[in-house]
Amino acid sequence: MTDAKAPQNSRHHILVVDDETAIRTMVAKVLGAHYRVSAVSSPHEALALAGQQETINLVLLDVMMPGMDGFELAKRLKLLPSCAKAPIMFLTARDAAGDKIKGIQAGARNYITKPFKIDDLTARVKKALGG
């Protein structure tokens, strides 16, 4: 797990789940400049971390991960008190219309396909967090 150093005044906690190290690290670094970010590489790490947290304000998930896909992980995270109210955003290479529908059915507010623009990601995160 990676915890990006956030500014002292950051009240938002973002959970990033992606098995691709480069994507996970880059997203954590970019968002970590403004928010508290926990980045993990597997769905099982995400569930364990979320079970220990009081509140997670936003979840960014990949879809294709070993052991459990992001759609199933989203459903499981929504059952945890720390994530029940957290918006979910998918950040994935899967761009078929059926995948987007499945993501929305799993509780996603946003579905961003890879490759993505950092400015687009940060704008969507900011909007999802109400700012």
N, C-alpha and C. Protein backbone atom coordinates (compact mmCIF):
# COMPACT_ATOMS: atom_id res chain seq x y z
N MET A 1 0.84 -1.18 0.00
CA MET A 1 0.00 0.00 0.00
C MET A 1 0.89 1.24 0.00
N THR A 2 0.42 2.23 -0.70
CA THR A 2 1.11 3.51 -0.76
C THR A 2 0.20 4.57 -0.18
N ASP A 3 0.69 5.35 0.73
CA ASP A 3 -0.04 6.50 1.24
C ASP A 3 0.68 7.74 0.76
N ALA A 4 0.03 8.50 -0.10
CA ALA A 4 0.64 9.74 -0.60
C ALA A 4 0.48 10.81 0.47
N LYS A 5 1.52 11.62 0.63
CA LYS A 5 1.47 12.71 1.60
C LYS A 5 0.52 13.78 1.10
N ALA A 6 -0.44 14.11 1.92
CA ALA A 6 -1.43 15.11 1.53
C ALA A 6 -1.20 16.40 2.29
N PRO A 7 -1.71 17.48 1.75
CA PRO A 7 -1.62 18.74 2.48
C PRO A 7 -2.31 18.60 3.84
N GLN A 8 -1.84 19.34 4.81
CA GLN A 8 -2.39 19.26 6.16
C GLN A 8 -3.89 19.54 6.21
N ASN A 9 -4.38 20.42 5.34
CA ASN A 9 -5.78 20.80 5.40
C ASN A 9 -6.70 19.88 4.60
N SER A 10 -6.16 18.81 4.02
CA SER A 10 -6.98 17.91 3.22
C SER A 10 -7.92 17.10 4.11
N ARG A 11 -9.20 17.21 3.86
CA ARG A 11 -10.17 16.46 4.64
C ARG A 11 -10.70 15.26 3.86
N HIS A 12 -10.31 15.15 2.59
CA HIS A 12 -10.80 14.08 1.73
C HIS A 12 -9.79 12.95 1.63
N HIS A 13 -10.30 11.73 1.75
CA HIS A 13 -9.46 10.53 1.64
C HIS A 13 -9.91 9.76 0.41
N ILE A 14 -8.96 9.50 -0.50
CA ILE A 14 -9.23 8.79 -1.74
C ILE A 14 -8.53 7.43 -1.70
N LEU A 15 -9.26 6.40 -2.08
CA LEU A 15 -8.70 5.05 -2.20
C LEU A 15 -8.53 4.75 -3.69
N VAL A 16 -7.30 4.44 -4.10
CA VAL A 16 -6.98 4.09 -5.48
C VAL A 16 -6.64 2.60 -5.51
N VAL A 17 -7.32 1.86 -6.41
CA VAL A 17 -7.07 0.42 -6.52
C VAL A 17 -6.76 0.11 -7.98
N ASP A 18 -5.51 -0.25 -8.25
CA ASP A 18 -5.09 -0.58 -9.61
C ASP A 18 -3.89 -1.51 -9.51
N ASP A 19 -3.93 -2.61 -10.24
CA ASP A 19 -2.82 -3.56 -10.20
C ASP A 19 -1.63 -3.12 -11.05
N GLU A 20 -1.79 -2.09 -11.87
CA GLU A 20 -0.69 -1.55 -12.66
C GLU A 20 0.08 -0.53 -11.81
N THR A 21 1.31 -0.86 -11.47
CA THR A 21 2.12 -0.02 -10.59
C THR A 21 2.27 1.40 -11.12
N ALA A 22 2.56 1.54 -12.40
CA ALA A 22 2.80 2.88 -12.97
C ALA A 22 1.56 3.77 -12.85
N ILE A 23 0.40 3.22 -13.17
CA ILE A 23 -0.85 4.00 -13.09
C ILE A 23 -1.15 4.35 -11.64
N ARG A 24 -1.08 3.35 -10.77
CA ARG A 24 -1.38 3.55 -9.34
C ARG A 24 -0.47 4.62 -8.74
N THR A 25 0.82 4.55 -9.04
CA THR A 25 1.79 5.49 -8.49
C THR A 25 1.55 6.90 -9.02
N MET A 26 1.31 7.02 -10.33
CA MET A 26 1.09 8.33 -10.93
C MET A 26 -0.19 8.98 -10.39
N VAL A 27 -1.27 8.22 -10.32
CA VAL A 27 -2.54 8.76 -9.82
C VAL A 27 -2.38 9.18 -8.36
N ALA A 28 -1.73 8.35 -7.56
CA ALA A 28 -1.52 8.69 -6.14
C ALA A 28 -0.69 9.96 -6.00
N LYS A 29 0.33 10.10 -6.83
CA LYS A 29 1.19 11.29 -6.75
C LYS A 29 0.43 12.55 -7.14
N VAL A 30 -0.31 12.49 -8.25
CA VAL A 30 -1.05 13.66 -8.73
C VAL A 30 -2.13 14.06 -7.73
N LEU A 31 -2.94 13.11 -7.30
CA LEU A 31 -4.02 13.43 -6.37
C LEU A 31 -3.51 13.71 -4.97
N GLY A 32 -2.36 13.12 -4.62
CA GLY A 32 -1.77 13.31 -3.31
C GLY A 32 -1.33 14.74 -3.03
N ALA A 33 -1.22 15.54 -4.08
CA ALA A 33 -0.88 16.95 -3.89
C ALA A 33 -2.04 17.73 -3.26
N HIS A 34 -3.24 17.18 -3.35
CA HIS A 34 -4.43 17.88 -2.86
C HIS A 34 -5.25 17.10 -1.85
N TYR A 35 -5.09 15.78 -1.85
CA TYR A 35 -5.93 14.92 -1.01
C TYR A 35 -5.07 13.88 -0.32
N ARG A 36 -5.64 13.24 0.69
CA ARG A 36 -5.00 12.09 1.31
C ARG A 36 -5.33 10.88 0.45
N VAL A 37 -4.33 10.18 -0.03
CA VAL A 37 -4.53 9.07 -0.97
C VAL A 37 -3.91 7.79 -0.41
N SER A 38 -4.71 6.73 -0.41
CA SER A 38 -4.19 5.39 -0.13
C SER A 38 -4.30 4.61 -1.43
N ALA A 39 -3.19 4.04 -1.88
CA ALA A 39 -3.18 3.31 -3.14
C ALA A 39 -2.77 1.87 -2.89
N VAL A 40 -3.59 0.94 -3.38
CA VAL A 40 -3.33 -0.49 -3.20
C VAL A 40 -3.40 -1.20 -4.55
N SER A 41 -2.80 -2.39 -4.60
CA SER A 41 -2.68 -3.09 -5.88
C SER A 41 -3.68 -4.21 -6.09
N SER A 42 -4.49 -4.52 -5.08
CA SER A 42 -5.42 -5.63 -5.26
C SER A 42 -6.76 -5.35 -4.56
N PRO A 43 -7.80 -6.00 -5.05
CA PRO A 43 -9.12 -5.86 -4.42
C PRO A 43 -9.11 -6.29 -2.95
N HIS A 44 -8.35 -7.33 -2.65
CA HIS A 44 -8.32 -7.82 -1.27
C HIS A 44 -7.65 -6.81 -0.33
N GLU A 45 -6.59 -6.15 -0.81
CA GLU A 45 -5.97 -5.08 -0.02
C GLU A 45 -6.96 -3.93 0.17
N ALA A 46 -7.72 -3.62 -0.86
CA ALA A 46 -8.69 -2.53 -0.79
C ALA A 46 -9.76 -2.82 0.27
N LEU A 47 -10.28 -4.04 0.27
CA LEU A 47 -11.30 -4.41 1.26
C LEU A 47 -10.74 -4.37 2.67
N ALA A 48 -9.51 -4.84 2.84
CA ALA A 48 -8.88 -4.82 4.17
C ALA A 48 -8.68 -3.39 4.64
N LEU A 49 -8.16 -2.54 3.77
CA LEU A 49 -7.92 -1.14 4.13
C LEU A 49 -9.23 -0.42 4.44
N ALA A 50 -10.21 -0.60 3.57
CA ALA A 50 -11.50 0.08 3.77
C ALA A 50 -12.18 -0.38 5.06
N GLY A 51 -11.96 -1.63 5.43
CA GLY A 51 -12.53 -2.14 6.67
C GLY A 51 -11.91 -1.52 7.91
N GLN A 52 -10.71 -0.94 7.78
CA GLN A 52 -10.00 -0.33 8.90
C GLN A 52 -10.19 1.17 8.98
N GLN A 53 -10.73 1.78 7.92
CA GLN A 53 -10.86 3.23 7.86
C GLN A 53 -12.19 3.70 8.40
N GLU A 54 -12.20 4.91 8.91
CA GLU A 54 -13.46 5.51 9.35
C GLU A 54 -14.25 6.01 8.15
N THR A 55 -13.58 6.74 7.27
CA THR A 55 -14.25 7.29 6.09
C THR A 55 -13.32 7.33 4.90
N ILE A 56 -13.85 6.90 3.77
CA ILE A 56 -13.19 7.09 2.48
C ILE A 56 -14.16 7.93 1.67
N ASN A 57 -13.66 9.01 1.09
CA ASN A 57 -14.52 9.98 0.41
C ASN A 57 -14.68 9.72 -1.08
N LEU A 58 -13.77 8.95 -1.67
CA LEU A 58 -13.84 8.65 -3.11
C LEU A 58 -13.02 7.39 -3.36
N VAL A 59 -13.53 6.54 -4.27
CA VAL A 59 -12.81 5.33 -4.64
C VAL A 59 -12.57 5.35 -6.14
N LEU A 60 -11.31 5.18 -6.54
CA LEU A 60 -10.92 5.06 -7.95
C LEU A 60 -10.51 3.62 -8.20
N LEU A 61 -11.21 2.93 -9.11
CA LEU A 61 -10.97 1.51 -9.33
C LEU A 61 -10.64 1.18 -10.77
N ASP A 62 -9.72 0.25 -10.95
CA ASP A 62 -9.52 -0.39 -12.24
C ASP A 62 -10.59 -1.48 -12.35
N VAL A 63 -10.88 -1.92 -13.55
CA VAL A 63 -11.85 -3.01 -13.73
C VAL A 63 -11.13 -4.35 -13.77
N MET A 64 -10.09 -4.45 -14.57
CA MET A 64 -9.42 -5.74 -14.77
C MET A 64 -8.30 -5.92 -13.76
N MET A 65 -8.60 -6.73 -12.74
CA MET A 65 -7.61 -7.04 -11.71
C MET A 65 -7.69 -8.52 -11.39
N PRO A 66 -6.58 -9.10 -10.96
CA PRO A 66 -6.60 -10.53 -10.63
C PRO A 66 -7.40 -10.81 -9.36
N GLY A 67 -8.13 -11.90 -9.36
CA GLY A 67 -8.85 -12.33 -8.17
C GLY A 67 -10.27 -11.84 -8.08
N MET A 68 -10.51 -10.60 -8.46
CA MET A 68 -11.84 -10.01 -8.39
C MET A 68 -11.85 -8.78 -9.29
N ASP A 69 -12.86 -8.66 -10.12
CA ASP A 69 -12.87 -7.49 -10.98
C ASP A 69 -13.39 -6.26 -10.23
N GLY A 70 -13.17 -5.10 -10.82
CA GLY A 70 -13.57 -3.85 -10.18
C GLY A 70 -15.06 -3.71 -9.95
N PHE A 71 -15.87 -4.34 -10.82
CA PHE A 71 -17.32 -4.27 -10.66
C PHE A 71 -17.75 -4.94 -9.35
N GLU A 72 -17.21 -6.12 -9.10
CA GLU A 72 -17.53 -6.85 -7.87
C GLU A 72 -16.95 -6.11 -6.66
N LEU A 73 -15.74 -5.59 -6.79
CA LEU A 73 -15.13 -4.84 -5.69
C LEU A 73 -15.97 -3.62 -5.33
N ALA A 74 -16.48 -2.91 -6.33
CA ALA A 74 -17.31 -1.74 -6.07
C ALA A 74 -18.53 -2.12 -5.24
N LYS A 75 -19.18 -3.20 -5.60
CA LYS A 75 -20.36 -3.66 -4.86
C LYS A 75 -20.00 -4.00 -3.41
N ARG A 76 -18.87 -4.66 -3.22
CA ARG A 76 -18.45 -5.05 -1.86
C ARG A 76 -18.05 -3.83 -1.02
N LEU A 77 -17.35 -2.88 -1.64
CA LEU A 77 -16.95 -1.67 -0.92
C LEU A 77 -18.17 -0.88 -0.45
N LYS A 78 -19.20 -0.83 -1.26
CA LYS A 78 -20.41 -0.07 -0.92
C LYS A 78 -21.11 -0.64 0.32
N LEU A 79 -20.82 -1.89 0.65
CA LEU A 79 -21.42 -2.52 1.84
C LEU A 79 -20.68 -2.16 3.13
N LEU A 80 -19.49 -1.59 3.00
CA LEU A 80 -18.69 -1.22 4.17
C LEU A 80 -19.06 0.19 4.64
N PRO A 81 -19.16 0.41 5.95
CA PRO A 81 -19.51 1.74 6.46
C PRO A 81 -18.58 2.85 5.97
N SER A 82 -17.29 2.56 5.82
CA SER A 82 -16.34 3.59 5.41
C SER A 82 -16.55 4.06 3.97
N CYS A 83 -17.15 3.22 3.14
CA CYS A 83 -17.31 3.52 1.71
C CYS A 83 -18.76 3.67 1.27
N ALA A 84 -19.69 3.47 2.17
CA ALA A 84 -21.10 3.45 1.79
C ALA A 84 -21.54 4.70 1.03
N LYS A 85 -21.00 5.85 1.40
CA LYS A 85 -21.39 7.11 0.77
C LYS A 85 -20.36 7.63 -0.23
N ALA A 86 -19.27 6.91 -0.39
CA ALA A 86 -18.19 7.36 -1.27
C ALA A 86 -18.55 7.18 -2.74
N PRO A 87 -18.38 8.22 -3.55
CA PRO A 87 -18.56 8.03 -4.99
C PRO A 87 -17.48 7.09 -5.52
N ILE A 88 -17.85 6.29 -6.51
CA ILE A 88 -16.91 5.37 -7.13
C ILE A 88 -16.68 5.82 -8.56
N MET A 89 -15.41 5.82 -8.95
CA MET A 89 -15.02 6.15 -10.32
C MET A 89 -14.18 5.00 -10.85
N PHE A 90 -14.52 4.53 -12.03
CA PHE A 90 -13.69 3.52 -12.68
C PHE A 90 -12.67 4.21 -13.56
N LEU A 91 -11.46 3.69 -13.54
CA LEU A 91 -10.35 4.17 -14.34
C LEU A 91 -9.79 2.93 -15.02
N THR A 92 -10.19 2.70 -16.28
CA THR A 92 -9.94 1.40 -16.90
C THR A 92 -9.72 1.46 -18.40
N ALA A 93 -9.12 0.43 -18.93
CA ALA A 93 -8.93 0.32 -20.38
C ALA A 93 -10.19 -0.24 -21.05
N ARG A 94 -11.09 -0.79 -20.28
CA ARG A 94 -12.32 -1.38 -20.84
C ARG A 94 -13.27 -0.26 -21.23
N ASP A 95 -13.54 -0.14 -22.54
CA ASP A 95 -14.34 0.98 -22.99
C ASP A 95 -15.60 0.60 -23.77
N ALA A 96 -15.99 -0.66 -23.72
CA ALA A 96 -17.22 -1.07 -24.40
C ALA A 96 -18.43 -0.50 -23.67
N ALA A 97 -19.48 -0.22 -24.43
CA ALA A 97 -20.70 0.34 -23.83
C ALA A 97 -21.23 -0.55 -22.72
N GLY A 98 -21.16 -1.86 -22.91
CA GLY A 98 -21.63 -2.80 -21.89
C GLY A 98 -20.85 -2.69 -20.59
N ASP A 99 -19.54 -2.41 -20.70
CA ASP A 99 -18.71 -2.24 -19.51
C ASP A 99 -19.11 -0.99 -18.75
N LYS A 100 -19.39 0.08 -19.48
CA LYS A 100 -19.80 1.33 -18.83
C LYS A 100 -21.12 1.15 -18.11
N ILE A 101 -22.04 0.45 -18.73
CA ILE A 101 -23.35 0.18 -18.10
C ILE A 101 -23.15 -0.68 -16.85
N LYS A 102 -22.30 -1.69 -16.96
CA LYS A 102 -22.01 -2.55 -15.82
C LYS A 102 -21.38 -1.74 -14.68
N GLY A 103 -20.52 -0.79 -15.03
CA GLY A 103 -19.90 0.07 -14.03
C GLY A 103 -20.93 0.92 -13.30
N ILE A 104 -21.86 1.48 -14.04
CA ILE A 104 -22.91 2.30 -13.43
C ILE A 104 -23.81 1.43 -12.55
N GLN A 105 -24.10 0.23 -13.02
CA GLN A 105 -24.90 -0.69 -12.21
C GLN A 105 -24.18 -1.10 -10.93
N ALA A 106 -22.85 -1.09 -10.96
CA ALA A 106 -22.05 -1.43 -9.77
C ALA A 106 -21.92 -0.24 -8.82
N GLY A 107 -22.45 0.91 -9.22
CA GLY A 107 -22.45 2.07 -8.33
C GLY A 107 -21.52 3.20 -8.74
N ALA A 108 -20.94 3.13 -9.93
CA ALA A 108 -20.00 4.16 -10.35
C ALA A 108 -20.71 5.45 -10.73
N ARG A 109 -20.10 6.56 -10.35
CA ARG A 109 -20.57 7.88 -10.77
C ARG A 109 -19.86 8.34 -12.02
N ASN A 110 -18.68 7.77 -12.25
CA ASN A 110 -17.86 8.18 -13.38
C ASN A 110 -17.13 6.97 -13.93
N TYR A 111 -16.86 7.00 -15.22
CA TYR A 111 -16.17 5.90 -15.89
C TYR A 111 -15.17 6.53 -16.83
N ILE A 112 -13.90 6.48 -16.48
CA ILE A 112 -12.84 7.11 -17.27
C ILE A 112 -12.03 6.01 -17.93
N THR A 113 -11.81 6.14 -19.24
CA THR A 113 -11.05 5.10 -19.93
C THR A 113 -9.59 5.51 -20.10
N LYS A 114 -8.73 4.50 -20.04
CA LYS A 114 -7.29 4.67 -20.25
C LYS A 114 -7.04 4.58 -21.74
N PRO A 115 -6.13 5.33 -22.30
CA PRO A 115 -5.37 6.37 -21.63
C PRO A 115 -6.25 7.57 -21.33
N PHE A 116 -5.90 8.30 -20.28
CA PHE A 116 -6.70 9.44 -19.84
C PHE A 116 -5.80 10.65 -19.68
N LYS A 117 -6.41 11.80 -19.65
CA LYS A 117 -5.68 13.05 -19.43
C LYS A 117 -5.75 13.37 -17.93
N ILE A 118 -4.61 13.73 -17.37
CA ILE A 118 -4.53 14.05 -15.93
C ILE A 118 -5.51 15.17 -15.58
N ASP A 119 -5.59 16.20 -16.42
CA ASP A 119 -6.50 17.31 -16.14
C ASP A 119 -7.95 16.84 -16.06
N ASP A 120 -8.33 15.91 -16.92
CA ASP A 120 -9.69 15.36 -16.90
C ASP A 120 -9.92 14.60 -15.59
N LEU A 121 -8.97 13.77 -15.21
CA LEU A 121 -9.09 13.01 -13.97
C LEU A 121 -9.22 13.94 -12.77
N THR A 122 -8.33 14.93 -12.66
CA THR A 122 -8.37 15.81 -11.49
C THR A 122 -9.65 16.64 -11.45
N ALA A 123 -10.16 17.05 -12.62
CA ALA A 123 -11.41 17.81 -12.65
C ALA A 123 -12.58 16.94 -12.21
N ARG A 124 -12.61 15.69 -12.65
CA ARG A 124 -13.70 14.79 -12.24
C ARG A 124 -13.63 14.45 -10.76
N VAL A 125 -12.42 14.27 -10.25
CA VAL A 125 -12.25 13.99 -8.82
C VAL A 125 -12.73 15.19 -8.01
N LYS A 126 -12.30 16.37 -8.41
CA LYS A 126 -12.71 17.58 -7.70
C LYS A 126 -14.24 17.73 -7.69
N LYS A 127 -14.86 17.48 -8.82
CA LYS A 127 -16.32 17.58 -8.91
C LYS A 127 -16.99 16.52 -8.04
N ALA A 128 -16.48 15.30 -8.06
CA ALA A 128 -17.06 14.23 -7.26
C ALA A 128 -16.98 14.51 -5.77
N LEU A 129 -15.94 15.24 -5.38
CA LEU A 129 -15.76 15.57 -3.96
C LEU A 129 -16.45 16.88 -3.57
N GLY A 130 -17.17 17.45 -4.51
CA GLY A 130 -17.96 18.64 -4.21
C GLY A 130 -17.19 19.93 -4.26
N GLY A 131 -16.10 19.95 -5.00
CA GLY A 131 -15.32 21.19 -5.04
C GLY A 131 -14.86 21.46 -6.36
